[in-house]
Amino acid sequence: MDSINFDTFKTNGVELSDTLSSWREKTNGIITKINTEATALGDLQNKVNTFQDGNNTVALNKLEQISNLNVLGNTSGSSANVAEVSILDQDTLSSNSATSLATQQSIKAYVDNQNAAQFDSSTYDLSTDGYQKLPSGFIMQWGLSDRERVKQEEEEVTFPLTFPNACLNVVAIIDRDNFESGNLSLYLKSFTTTKATFVYDSDNVFYPNTAIRWQAYGH
């Protein structure tokens, strides 16, 4: 029986006035229709569960059997068949893979560790003569020379840390414990990656307890 019998049955139903032949025709139509629909539904479910067309089909059986820490996708960089893509859980991201994914936890751990390494105790010294290394490679250094009785003379200060590439600039001021009348100036004579040389200039009078408070910048 076809769908016309089924539609007729839905519209008119089976009536007492129907002949035996008409009744059989109508009921056979509904039974056939139910069987047909059930068969089609069963076939569809079977296709969802078992249908495969090579590696390019995303089917239920493939999803059920995918191994741990894998997803289905394509990381080839162009069109390709669907395949399992590895999910790596590495706090150091050591494998350097171009075709694998990373877990959220491993990305967070890597970023946290990098930030901690950039500002750990090896990147700074907060002493009176100290330094701070920045992630860019820029280095700031500072210090205070020994207090001395000075007049017209040179004084050299050594940086706590040697600049690996270059010292870019040095600035300084005179630091004195107490006020002394007179004229005392300080000039920067020269500097290298390891030290700076300054020159005191005065009116030929000695100034006690005098030091140089300096800063140097480089990389």
N, C-alpha and C. Protein backbone atom coordinates (compact mmCIF):
# COMPACT_ATOMS: atom_id res chain seq x y z
N MET A 1 0.84 -1.19 0.00
CA MET A 1 0.00 0.00 0.00
C MET A 1 0.88 1.25 0.00
N ASP A 2 0.42 2.31 -0.64
CA ASP A 2 1.18 3.55 -0.68
C ASP A 2 0.62 4.56 0.29
N SER A 3 1.19 5.79 0.23
CA SER A 3 0.77 6.81 1.19
C SER A 3 -0.65 7.29 0.97
N ILE A 4 -1.22 7.07 -0.22
CA ILE A 4 -2.61 7.48 -0.48
C ILE A 4 -3.56 6.71 0.41
N ASN A 5 -3.30 5.40 0.57
CA ASN A 5 -4.12 4.59 1.46
C ASN A 5 -4.02 5.12 2.89
N PHE A 6 -2.80 5.50 3.29
CA PHE A 6 -2.59 6.00 4.64
C PHE A 6 -3.33 7.32 4.87
N ASP A 7 -3.24 8.20 3.89
CA ASP A 7 -3.94 9.49 4.01
C ASP A 7 -5.44 9.30 4.02
N THR A 8 -5.94 8.37 3.22
CA THR A 8 -7.38 8.10 3.21
C THR A 8 -7.83 7.56 4.55
N PHE A 9 -6.98 6.71 5.13
CA PHE A 9 -7.31 6.15 6.45
C PHE A 9 -7.36 7.24 7.51
N LYS A 10 -6.42 8.17 7.44
CA LYS A 10 -6.41 9.25 8.42
C LYS A 10 -7.64 10.12 8.28
N THR A 11 -8.07 10.33 7.06
CA THR A 11 -9.20 11.24 6.82
C THR A 11 -10.54 10.58 7.12
N ASN A 12 -10.71 9.36 6.62
CA ASN A 12 -12.03 8.72 6.69
C ASN A 12 -12.14 7.66 7.78
N GLY A 13 -11.01 7.06 8.12
CA GLY A 13 -11.05 6.00 9.12
C GLY A 13 -11.76 4.75 8.60
N VAL A 14 -11.93 3.80 9.47
CA VAL A 14 -12.66 2.57 9.15
C VAL A 14 -14.07 2.72 9.68
N GLU A 15 -15.02 2.55 8.81
CA GLU A 15 -16.41 2.71 9.19
C GLU A 15 -17.14 1.38 9.13
N LEU A 16 -18.26 1.29 9.87
CA LEU A 16 -19.03 0.04 9.89
C LEU A 16 -19.60 -0.29 8.53
N SER A 17 -19.80 0.76 7.74
CA SER A 17 -20.39 0.53 6.42
C SER A 17 -19.39 0.03 5.40
N ASP A 18 -18.07 0.06 5.76
CA ASP A 18 -17.05 -0.42 4.83
C ASP A 18 -17.22 -1.91 4.57
N THR A 19 -16.90 -2.27 3.35
CA THR A 19 -16.88 -3.68 3.04
C THR A 19 -15.63 -4.30 3.61
N LEU A 20 -15.62 -5.61 3.70
CA LEU A 20 -14.44 -6.31 4.23
C LEU A 20 -13.22 -6.00 3.40
N SER A 21 -13.41 -5.92 2.10
CA SER A 21 -12.29 -5.62 1.22
C SER A 21 -11.75 -4.23 1.46
N SER A 22 -12.69 -3.23 1.67
CA SER A 22 -12.26 -1.85 1.93
C SER A 22 -11.55 -1.74 3.27
N TRP A 23 -12.08 -2.48 4.26
CA TRP A 23 -11.45 -2.44 5.59
C TRP A 23 -10.03 -2.98 5.55
N ARG A 24 -9.84 -4.09 4.84
CA ARG A 24 -8.51 -4.67 4.73
C ARG A 24 -7.56 -3.71 4.00
N GLU A 25 -8.09 -3.09 2.99
CA GLU A 25 -7.25 -2.16 2.22
C GLU A 25 -6.76 -1.01 3.10
N LYS A 26 -7.67 -0.45 3.93
CA LYS A 26 -7.30 0.67 4.77
C LYS A 26 -6.33 0.25 5.88
N THR A 27 -6.63 -0.82 6.54
CA THR A 27 -5.75 -1.25 7.64
C THR A 27 -4.40 -1.73 7.14
N ASN A 28 -4.38 -2.39 6.01
CA ASN A 28 -3.09 -2.80 5.45
C ASN A 28 -2.25 -1.57 5.09
N GLY A 29 -2.94 -0.50 4.64
CA GLY A 29 -2.22 0.72 4.30
C GLY A 29 -1.52 1.33 5.50
N ILE A 30 -2.21 1.41 6.65
CA ILE A 30 -1.59 1.99 7.83
C ILE A 30 -0.48 1.12 8.38
N ILE A 31 -0.67 -0.17 8.36
CA ILE A 31 0.37 -1.08 8.85
C ILE A 31 1.60 -1.00 7.96
N THR A 32 1.35 -0.96 6.64
CA THR A 32 2.49 -0.87 5.72
C THR A 32 3.24 0.44 5.91
N LYS A 33 2.49 1.51 6.10
CA LYS A 33 3.12 2.81 6.30
C LYS A 33 3.95 2.84 7.58
N ILE A 34 3.42 2.30 8.66
CA ILE A 34 4.16 2.25 9.92
C ILE A 34 5.42 1.43 9.77
N ASN A 35 5.33 0.29 9.13
CA ASN A 35 6.50 -0.56 8.92
C ASN A 35 7.56 0.14 8.08
N THR A 36 7.06 0.86 7.05
CA THR A 36 8.00 1.57 6.18
C THR A 36 8.74 2.66 6.93
N GLU A 37 7.98 3.46 7.73
CA GLU A 37 8.60 4.54 8.49
C GLU A 37 9.55 4.00 9.54
N ALA A 38 9.19 2.92 10.19
CA ALA A 38 10.05 2.32 11.20
C ALA A 38 11.34 1.81 10.59
N THR A 39 11.22 1.21 9.40
CA THR A 39 12.41 0.72 8.71
C THR A 39 13.34 1.86 8.34
N ALA A 40 12.75 2.95 7.82
CA ALA A 40 13.55 4.12 7.45
C ALA A 40 14.24 4.73 8.66
N LEU A 41 13.52 4.84 9.79
CA LEU A 41 14.11 5.38 11.01
C LEU A 41 15.24 4.51 11.52
N GLY A 42 15.03 3.20 11.46
CA GLY A 42 16.08 2.28 11.89
C GLY A 42 17.31 2.37 11.02
N ASP A 43 17.08 2.53 9.71
CA ASP A 43 18.22 2.67 8.79
C ASP A 43 18.99 3.94 9.07
N LEU A 44 18.26 5.03 9.35
CA LEU A 44 18.92 6.30 9.66
C LEU A 44 19.77 6.20 10.91
N GLN A 45 19.22 5.58 11.97
CA GLN A 45 19.98 5.43 13.20
C GLN A 45 21.21 4.57 12.98
N ASN A 46 21.06 3.55 12.17
CA ASN A 46 22.19 2.67 11.89
C ASN A 46 23.28 3.42 11.13
N LYS A 47 22.86 4.30 10.21
CA LYS A 47 23.85 5.08 9.47
C LYS A 47 24.59 6.05 10.39
N VAL A 48 23.86 6.68 11.31
CA VAL A 48 24.50 7.60 12.26
C VAL A 48 25.51 6.86 13.12
N ASN A 49 25.15 5.63 13.52
CA ASN A 49 26.00 4.87 14.42
C ASN A 49 27.19 4.23 13.72
N THR A 50 27.02 3.80 12.48
CA THR A 50 28.04 2.95 11.86
C THR A 50 28.57 3.48 10.55
N PHE A 51 27.92 4.46 9.93
CA PHE A 51 28.32 4.88 8.61
C PHE A 51 29.71 5.49 8.62
N GLN A 52 30.57 5.04 7.70
CA GLN A 52 31.91 5.59 7.56
C GLN A 52 32.23 5.75 6.09
N ASP A 53 32.90 6.83 5.77
CA ASP A 53 33.33 7.07 4.39
C ASP A 53 34.79 7.51 4.43
N GLY A 54 35.66 6.61 4.83
CA GLY A 54 37.07 6.95 5.00
C GLY A 54 37.28 7.78 6.26
N ASN A 55 38.37 8.48 6.32
CA ASN A 55 38.69 9.28 7.50
C ASN A 55 37.98 10.62 7.53
N ASN A 56 37.27 10.96 6.45
CA ASN A 56 36.68 12.28 6.35
C ASN A 56 35.29 12.36 6.93
N THR A 57 34.76 11.27 7.47
CA THR A 57 33.41 11.26 8.01
C THR A 57 33.44 11.40 9.53
N VAL A 58 32.69 12.34 10.06
CA VAL A 58 32.55 12.49 11.50
C VAL A 58 31.29 11.74 11.90
N ALA A 59 31.44 10.52 12.35
CA ALA A 59 30.31 9.66 12.70
C ALA A 59 30.33 9.35 14.19
N LEU A 60 29.18 8.89 14.70
CA LEU A 60 29.06 8.64 16.13
C LEU A 60 30.06 7.61 16.61
N ASN A 61 30.26 6.57 15.81
CA ASN A 61 31.20 5.53 16.26
C ASN A 61 32.62 6.06 16.37
N LYS A 62 32.95 7.03 15.48
CA LYS A 62 34.29 7.61 15.55
C LYS A 62 34.43 8.49 16.78
N LEU A 63 33.38 9.24 17.11
CA LEU A 63 33.41 10.09 18.31
C LEU A 63 33.49 9.25 19.57
N GLU A 64 32.81 8.09 19.55
CA GLU A 64 32.81 7.23 20.73
C GLU A 64 34.16 6.57 20.94
N GLN A 65 34.92 6.38 19.88
CA GLN A 65 36.17 5.64 19.98
C GLN A 65 37.41 6.53 19.99
N ILE A 66 37.23 7.86 19.97
CA ILE A 66 38.39 8.75 19.94
C ILE A 66 39.18 8.59 21.23
N SER A 67 40.49 8.57 21.10
CA SER A 67 41.35 8.31 22.25
C SER A 67 41.44 9.54 23.15
N ASN A 68 41.97 9.32 24.35
CA ASN A 68 42.08 10.38 25.35
C ASN A 68 43.00 11.50 24.87
N LEU A 69 42.65 12.75 25.22
CA LEU A 69 43.40 13.95 24.85
C LEU A 69 43.59 14.07 23.35
N ASN A 70 42.47 13.88 22.62
CA ASN A 70 42.44 14.06 21.18
C ASN A 70 41.11 14.67 20.79
N VAL A 71 41.11 15.40 19.69
CA VAL A 71 39.88 15.90 19.10
C VAL A 71 39.94 15.62 17.60
N LEU A 72 38.79 15.74 16.93
CA LEU A 72 38.76 15.58 15.49
C LEU A 72 38.90 16.95 14.84
N GLY A 73 39.78 17.04 13.85
CA GLY A 73 39.97 18.30 13.17
C GLY A 73 40.97 18.19 12.05
N ASN A 74 41.42 19.34 11.59
CA ASN A 74 42.39 19.41 10.50
C ASN A 74 43.37 20.53 10.80
N THR A 75 44.61 20.20 11.06
CA THR A 75 45.65 21.19 11.36
C THR A 75 46.74 21.18 10.30
N SER A 76 46.39 20.71 9.09
CA SER A 76 47.39 20.59 8.03
C SER A 76 47.74 21.92 7.38
N GLY A 77 46.87 22.91 7.53
CA GLY A 77 47.10 24.19 6.87
C GLY A 77 46.41 24.29 5.53
N SER A 78 45.74 23.23 5.11
CA SER A 78 44.98 23.23 3.86
C SER A 78 43.85 22.22 3.99
N SER A 79 43.05 22.06 2.96
CA SER A 79 41.96 21.09 2.98
C SER A 79 42.53 19.68 3.11
N ALA A 80 41.93 18.90 4.00
CA ALA A 80 42.41 17.53 4.22
C ALA A 80 41.33 16.74 4.93
N ASN A 81 41.52 15.44 5.01
CA ASN A 81 40.59 14.59 5.71
C ASN A 81 40.61 14.90 7.20
N VAL A 82 39.47 14.69 7.84
CA VAL A 82 39.39 14.84 9.29
C VAL A 82 40.22 13.75 9.96
N ALA A 83 40.97 14.14 10.97
CA ALA A 83 41.82 13.17 11.68
C ALA A 83 41.87 13.56 13.15
N GLU A 84 42.41 12.67 13.96
CA GLU A 84 42.59 12.97 15.38
C GLU A 84 43.71 13.98 15.56
N VAL A 85 43.46 15.00 16.36
CA VAL A 85 44.44 16.03 16.67
C VAL A 85 44.80 15.92 18.15
N SER A 86 46.07 15.83 18.44
CA SER A 86 46.51 15.64 19.82
C SER A 86 46.31 16.90 20.64
N ILE A 87 45.95 16.72 21.91
CA ILE A 87 45.88 17.81 22.89
C ILE A 87 47.01 17.57 23.89
N LEU A 88 47.97 18.47 23.93
CA LEU A 88 49.14 18.28 24.78
C LEU A 88 48.98 19.05 26.09
N ASP A 89 49.38 18.42 27.17
CA ASP A 89 49.34 19.05 28.49
C ASP A 89 50.77 19.18 28.99
N GLN A 90 51.46 20.23 28.52
CA GLN A 90 52.87 20.45 28.84
C GLN A 90 53.03 21.85 29.42
N ASP A 91 53.41 21.94 30.67
CA ASP A 91 53.55 23.24 31.32
C ASP A 91 54.66 24.09 30.70
N THR A 92 55.63 23.43 30.05
CA THR A 92 56.74 24.16 29.44
C THR A 92 56.57 24.31 27.93
N LEU A 93 55.49 23.75 27.36
CA LEU A 93 55.27 23.75 25.91
C LEU A 93 56.53 23.29 25.18
N SER A 94 57.11 22.21 25.65
CA SER A 94 58.43 21.79 25.18
C SER A 94 58.42 21.17 23.79
N SER A 95 57.31 20.61 23.34
CA SER A 95 57.33 19.87 22.07
C SER A 95 57.36 20.77 20.84
N ASN A 96 56.91 22.03 20.96
CA ASN A 96 56.94 22.98 19.85
C ASN A 96 56.23 22.43 18.62
N SER A 97 55.04 21.87 18.82
CA SER A 97 54.30 21.24 17.73
C SER A 97 53.47 22.27 16.96
N ALA A 98 53.44 22.12 15.64
CA ALA A 98 52.63 23.00 14.80
C ALA A 98 51.28 22.38 14.47
N THR A 99 51.04 21.14 14.93
CA THR A 99 49.80 20.45 14.58
C THR A 99 49.03 19.96 15.80
N SER A 100 49.45 20.33 17.00
CA SER A 100 48.79 19.88 18.22
C SER A 100 48.19 21.09 18.95
N LEU A 101 47.23 20.80 19.81
CA LEU A 101 46.61 21.82 20.64
C LEU A 101 47.16 21.74 22.06
N ALA A 102 47.02 22.81 22.82
CA ALA A 102 47.49 22.84 24.21
C ALA A 102 46.30 23.02 25.14
N THR A 103 46.38 22.44 26.32
CA THR A 103 45.32 22.59 27.30
C THR A 103 45.37 23.99 27.91
N GLN A 104 44.24 24.45 28.42
CA GLN A 104 44.19 25.76 29.07
C GLN A 104 45.13 25.80 30.26
N GLN A 105 45.20 24.71 31.00
CA GLN A 105 46.06 24.66 32.19
C GLN A 105 47.53 24.81 31.81
N SER A 106 47.95 24.14 30.72
CA SER A 106 49.36 24.21 30.35
C SER A 106 49.73 25.60 29.82
N ILE A 107 48.80 26.25 29.11
CA ILE A 107 49.07 27.62 28.63
C ILE A 107 49.22 28.57 29.81
N LYS A 108 48.32 28.45 30.79
CA LYS A 108 48.38 29.32 31.97
C LYS A 108 49.68 29.09 32.74
N ALA A 109 50.05 27.81 32.92
CA ALA A 109 51.28 27.51 33.65
C ALA A 109 52.50 28.07 32.94
N TYR A 110 52.51 27.98 31.61
CA TYR A 110 53.65 28.49 30.84
C TYR A 110 53.76 30.01 30.99
N VAL A 111 52.63 30.71 30.85
CA VAL A 111 52.64 32.17 30.97
C VAL A 111 53.06 32.60 32.37
N ASP A 112 52.51 31.93 33.39
CA ASP A 112 52.86 32.26 34.77
C ASP A 112 54.35 32.05 35.02
N ASN A 113 54.89 30.96 34.51
CA ASN A 113 56.31 30.66 34.72
C ASN A 113 57.20 31.68 34.00
N GLN A 114 56.77 32.10 32.80
CA GLN A 114 57.55 33.09 32.07
C GLN A 114 57.58 34.42 32.80
N ASN A 115 56.44 34.83 33.32
CA ASN A 115 56.39 36.09 34.07
C ASN A 115 57.24 36.03 35.32
N ALA A 116 57.19 34.88 36.00
CA ALA A 116 57.99 34.73 37.21
C ALA A 116 59.48 34.76 36.90
N ALA A 117 59.87 34.14 35.77
CA ALA A 117 61.29 34.09 35.40
C ALA A 117 61.82 35.48 35.04
N GLN A 118 60.95 36.32 34.45
CA GLN A 118 61.40 37.65 34.03
C GLN A 118 61.72 38.55 35.21
N PHE A 119 61.12 38.27 36.36
CA PHE A 119 61.34 39.15 37.51
C PHE A 119 61.75 38.35 38.75
N ASP A 120 62.51 37.26 38.55
CA ASP A 120 62.99 36.53 39.70
C ASP A 120 64.20 37.25 40.31
N SER A 121 64.75 36.69 41.37
CA SER A 121 65.80 37.38 42.12
C SER A 121 67.08 37.59 41.32
N SER A 122 67.26 36.87 40.21
CA SER A 122 68.47 37.05 39.42
C SER A 122 68.39 38.27 38.50
N THR A 123 67.22 38.91 38.45
CA THR A 123 67.07 40.06 37.55
C THR A 123 67.19 41.40 38.27
N TYR A 124 67.40 41.37 39.57
CA TYR A 124 67.51 42.65 40.28
C TYR A 124 68.35 42.51 41.54
N ASP A 125 68.86 43.63 42.00
CA ASP A 125 69.56 43.75 43.27
C ASP A 125 69.17 45.12 43.83
N LEU A 126 68.44 45.12 44.92
CA LEU A 126 67.91 46.37 45.47
C LEU A 126 68.79 46.96 46.56
N SER A 127 70.07 46.67 46.50
CA SER A 127 71.02 47.24 47.45
C SER A 127 71.28 48.71 47.12
N THR A 128 72.10 49.37 47.96
CA THR A 128 72.48 50.76 47.68
C THR A 128 73.15 50.87 46.32
N ASP A 129 74.01 49.92 46.02
CA ASP A 129 74.57 49.77 44.68
C ASP A 129 73.87 48.58 44.05
N GLY A 130 72.90 48.84 43.16
CA GLY A 130 72.08 47.75 42.64
C GLY A 130 71.73 47.92 41.18
N TYR A 131 70.81 47.05 40.72
CA TYR A 131 70.42 47.08 39.30
C TYR A 131 69.05 46.42 39.13
N GLN A 132 68.46 46.66 37.98
CA GLN A 132 67.20 46.01 37.58
C GLN A 132 67.29 45.68 36.09
N LYS A 133 67.13 44.40 35.78
CA LYS A 133 67.08 43.96 34.39
C LYS A 133 65.62 43.88 33.95
N LEU A 134 65.30 44.44 32.80
CA LEU A 134 63.95 44.37 32.26
C LEU A 134 63.87 43.30 31.16
N PRO A 135 62.67 42.78 30.89
CA PRO A 135 62.53 41.73 29.86
C PRO A 135 63.04 42.16 28.48
N SER A 136 63.01 43.45 28.19
CA SER A 136 63.48 43.92 26.89
C SER A 136 64.99 43.86 26.74
N GLY A 137 65.71 43.63 27.86
CA GLY A 137 67.17 43.66 27.84
C GLY A 137 67.74 44.94 28.40
N PHE A 138 66.88 45.93 28.63
CA PHE A 138 67.32 47.19 29.20
C PHE A 138 67.70 47.00 30.67
N ILE A 139 68.78 47.65 31.10
CA ILE A 139 69.28 47.50 32.47
C ILE A 139 69.47 48.88 33.09
N MET A 140 68.94 49.03 34.29
CA MET A 140 69.15 50.25 35.07
C MET A 140 70.06 49.91 36.25
N GLN A 141 71.07 50.75 36.50
CA GLN A 141 71.97 50.56 37.64
C GLN A 141 72.09 51.87 38.41
N TRP A 142 72.43 51.72 39.67
CA TRP A 142 72.54 52.91 40.53
C TRP A 142 73.55 52.64 41.63
N GLY A 143 73.99 53.70 42.29
CA GLY A 143 74.94 53.50 43.38
C GLY A 143 75.32 54.79 44.07
N LEU A 144 76.10 54.64 45.12
CA LEU A 144 76.61 55.76 45.92
C LEU A 144 78.07 55.49 46.22
N SER A 145 78.93 56.41 45.83
CA SER A 145 80.37 56.21 46.06
C SER A 145 80.70 56.41 47.54
N ASP A 146 81.93 56.04 47.90
CA ASP A 146 82.38 56.25 49.28
C ASP A 146 82.51 57.75 49.57
N ARG A 147 82.19 58.12 50.79
CA ARG A 147 82.31 59.53 51.18
C ARG A 147 83.79 59.86 51.44
N GLU A 148 84.20 60.97 50.85
CA GLU A 148 85.61 61.37 50.96
C GLU A 148 85.72 62.89 51.11
N ARG A 149 86.94 63.29 51.43
CA ARG A 149 87.27 64.72 51.47
C ARG A 149 87.83 65.07 50.09
N VAL A 150 87.08 65.88 49.36
CA VAL A 150 87.44 66.11 47.96
C VAL A 150 87.70 67.59 47.69
N LYS A 151 88.41 67.82 46.57
CA LYS A 151 88.67 69.19 46.14
C LYS A 151 88.61 69.22 44.61
N GLN A 152 89.73 69.11 43.94
CA GLN A 152 89.78 69.02 42.48
C GLN A 152 90.46 67.71 42.13
N GLU A 153 89.66 66.74 41.80
CA GLU A 153 90.21 65.40 41.58
C GLU A 153 89.21 64.54 40.82
N GLU A 154 89.68 63.41 40.34
CA GLU A 154 88.83 62.44 39.65
C GLU A 154 88.37 61.36 40.64
N GLU A 155 87.19 60.84 40.36
CA GLU A 155 86.71 59.69 41.14
C GLU A 155 86.02 58.71 40.20
N GLU A 156 86.34 57.47 40.40
CA GLU A 156 85.83 56.40 39.53
C GLU A 156 84.85 55.53 40.31
N VAL A 157 83.71 55.19 39.69
CA VAL A 157 82.75 54.26 40.31
C VAL A 157 82.62 53.05 39.39
N THR A 158 82.52 51.89 40.00
CA THR A 158 82.36 50.65 39.25
C THR A 158 80.91 50.18 39.35
N PHE A 159 80.34 49.83 38.22
CA PHE A 159 78.95 49.39 38.20
C PHE A 159 78.81 48.02 38.87
N PRO A 160 77.70 47.77 39.56
CA PRO A 160 77.49 46.45 40.17
C PRO A 160 77.47 45.33 39.14
N LEU A 161 77.01 45.68 37.92
CA LEU A 161 76.84 44.69 36.87
C LEU A 161 77.45 45.22 35.58
N THR A 162 78.19 44.39 34.88
CA THR A 162 78.73 44.80 33.59
C THR A 162 77.61 44.80 32.55
N PHE A 163 77.46 45.90 31.82
CA PHE A 163 76.48 45.92 30.74
C PHE A 163 76.93 44.96 29.63
N PRO A 164 76.11 44.01 29.23
CA PRO A 164 76.54 43.01 28.24
C PRO A 164 76.90 43.62 26.88
N ASN A 165 76.20 44.69 26.47
CA ASN A 165 76.42 45.26 25.14
C ASN A 165 76.96 46.68 25.18
N ALA A 166 76.26 47.56 25.91
CA ALA A 166 76.70 48.96 25.93
C ALA A 166 76.08 49.69 27.10
N CYS A 167 76.82 50.67 27.58
CA CYS A 167 76.26 51.63 28.53
C CYS A 167 75.82 52.84 27.72
N LEU A 168 74.56 53.23 27.88
CA LEU A 168 74.00 54.29 27.05
C LEU A 168 74.14 55.68 27.67
N ASN A 169 74.04 55.75 28.98
CA ASN A 169 74.09 57.07 29.61
C ASN A 169 74.38 56.92 31.10
N VAL A 170 74.99 57.98 31.67
CA VAL A 170 75.28 58.03 33.10
C VAL A 170 74.92 59.42 33.60
N VAL A 171 74.21 59.48 34.72
CA VAL A 171 73.90 60.76 35.34
C VAL A 171 74.31 60.69 36.81
N ALA A 172 74.59 61.85 37.41
CA ALA A 172 75.04 61.85 38.81
C ALA A 172 74.83 63.22 39.44
N ILE A 173 74.76 63.19 40.77
CA ILE A 173 74.71 64.43 41.55
C ILE A 173 75.68 64.28 42.72
N ILE A 174 76.07 65.42 43.30
CA ILE A 174 76.91 65.40 44.50
C ILE A 174 76.03 65.14 45.72
N ASP A 175 76.49 64.25 46.59
CA ASP A 175 75.77 63.93 47.82
C ASP A 175 76.67 64.30 48.99
N ARG A 176 76.20 65.25 49.84
CA ARG A 176 77.02 65.72 50.96
C ARG A 176 76.24 65.60 52.25
N ASP A 177 76.96 65.28 53.32
CA ASP A 177 76.33 65.12 54.63
C ASP A 177 75.91 66.45 55.25
N ASN A 178 76.67 67.49 54.98
CA ASN A 178 76.37 68.79 55.59
C ASN A 178 76.72 69.91 54.63
N PHE A 179 76.22 71.06 54.92
CA PHE A 179 76.44 72.20 54.04
C PHE A 179 77.83 72.79 54.25
N GLU A 180 78.50 73.07 53.14
CA GLU A 180 79.79 73.75 53.19
C GLU A 180 79.72 74.91 52.20
N SER A 181 80.07 76.07 52.64
CA SER A 181 80.08 77.22 51.73
C SER A 181 81.18 77.04 50.70
N GLY A 182 80.97 77.57 49.51
CA GLY A 182 81.95 77.45 48.45
C GLY A 182 81.31 76.91 47.19
N ASN A 183 82.14 76.67 46.20
CA ASN A 183 81.68 76.17 44.91
C ASN A 183 82.29 74.81 44.62
N LEU A 184 81.43 73.79 44.52
CA LEU A 184 81.87 72.44 44.20
C LEU A 184 80.97 71.89 43.10
N SER A 185 81.59 71.49 42.01
CA SER A 185 80.84 70.94 40.86
C SER A 185 81.32 69.53 40.55
N LEU A 186 80.49 68.83 39.77
CA LEU A 186 80.84 67.46 39.38
C LEU A 186 80.58 67.30 37.89
N TYR A 187 81.55 66.71 37.20
CA TYR A 187 81.43 66.49 35.76
C TYR A 187 81.67 65.02 35.44
N LEU A 188 80.97 64.55 34.43
CA LEU A 188 81.20 63.19 33.93
C LEU A 188 82.30 63.24 32.88
N LYS A 189 83.38 62.51 33.13
CA LYS A 189 84.52 62.52 32.22
C LYS A 189 84.38 61.43 31.16
N SER A 190 84.03 60.21 31.58
CA SER A 190 83.93 59.11 30.63
C SER A 190 83.20 57.93 31.29
N PHE A 191 82.78 56.99 30.46
CA PHE A 191 82.18 55.76 31.00
C PHE A 191 82.35 54.62 30.00
N THR A 192 82.35 53.40 30.53
CA THR A 192 82.44 52.18 29.73
C THR A 192 81.29 51.26 30.17
N THR A 193 81.37 50.01 29.79
CA THR A 193 80.34 49.04 30.21
C THR A 193 80.52 48.61 31.65
N THR A 194 81.64 48.99 32.28
CA THR A 194 81.92 48.53 33.64
C THR A 194 82.06 49.65 34.67
N LYS A 195 82.31 50.88 34.21
CA LYS A 195 82.59 51.94 35.19
C LYS A 195 82.35 53.32 34.58
N ALA A 196 82.35 54.32 35.46
CA ALA A 196 82.24 55.73 35.04
C ALA A 196 83.27 56.54 35.82
N THR A 197 83.82 57.56 35.18
CA THR A 197 84.81 58.43 35.81
C THR A 197 84.25 59.86 35.88
N PHE A 198 84.31 60.42 37.08
CA PHE A 198 83.80 61.78 37.32
C PHE A 198 84.95 62.68 37.74
N VAL A 199 84.73 63.98 37.61
CA VAL A 199 85.73 64.97 38.00
C VAL A 199 85.07 65.99 38.91
N TYR A 200 85.65 66.14 40.13
CA TYR A 200 85.24 67.23 41.03
C TYR A 200 85.96 68.51 40.62
N ASP A 201 85.23 69.61 40.66
CA ASP A 201 85.85 70.92 40.40
C ASP A 201 85.41 71.86 41.52
N SER A 202 86.37 72.47 42.18
CA SER A 202 86.05 73.34 43.31
C SER A 202 86.89 74.61 43.26
N ASP A 203 86.65 75.47 44.23
CA ASP A 203 87.43 76.70 44.35
C ASP A 203 88.68 76.49 45.19
N ASN A 204 89.26 75.29 45.00
CA ASN A 204 90.50 74.92 45.68
C ASN A 204 90.33 74.80 47.19
N VAL A 205 89.11 74.43 47.59
CA VAL A 205 88.80 74.21 49.00
C VAL A 205 88.38 72.76 49.16
N PHE A 206 88.78 72.12 50.25
CA PHE A 206 88.37 70.74 50.50
C PHE A 206 86.95 70.70 51.04
N TYR A 207 86.19 69.70 50.56
CA TYR A 207 84.81 69.48 51.01
C TYR A 207 84.73 68.07 51.61
N PRO A 208 84.51 67.98 52.92
CA PRO A 208 84.50 66.66 53.57
C PRO A 208 83.17 65.93 53.35
N ASN A 209 83.21 64.62 53.61
CA ASN A 209 82.01 63.77 53.59
C ASN A 209 81.18 63.94 52.31
N THR A 210 81.89 63.90 51.19
CA THR A 210 81.25 64.10 49.89
C THR A 210 81.25 62.79 49.11
N ALA A 211 80.14 62.52 48.46
CA ALA A 211 80.02 61.29 47.66
C ALA A 211 79.29 61.60 46.36
N ILE A 212 79.29 60.62 45.46
CA ILE A 212 78.61 60.74 44.18
C ILE A 212 77.42 59.77 44.14
N ARG A 213 76.25 60.29 43.95
CA ARG A 213 75.05 59.45 43.80
C ARG A 213 74.76 59.38 42.29
N TRP A 214 74.89 58.20 41.71
CA TRP A 214 74.87 58.05 40.25
C TRP A 214 73.81 57.04 39.77
N GLN A 215 73.49 57.14 38.49
CA GLN A 215 72.65 56.16 37.80
C GLN A 215 73.23 55.92 36.41
N ALA A 216 73.13 54.67 35.96
CA ALA A 216 73.62 54.32 34.62
C ALA A 216 72.58 53.45 33.92
N TYR A 217 72.49 53.62 32.58
CA TYR A 217 71.49 52.90 31.80
C TYR A 217 72.16 52.24 30.58
N GLY A 218 71.75 51.04 30.30
CA GLY A 218 72.33 50.36 29.13
C GLY A 218 71.61 49.05 28.86
N HIS A 219 72.30 48.20 28.11
CA HIS A 219 71.72 46.90 27.75
C HIS A 219 72.82 45.88 27.49
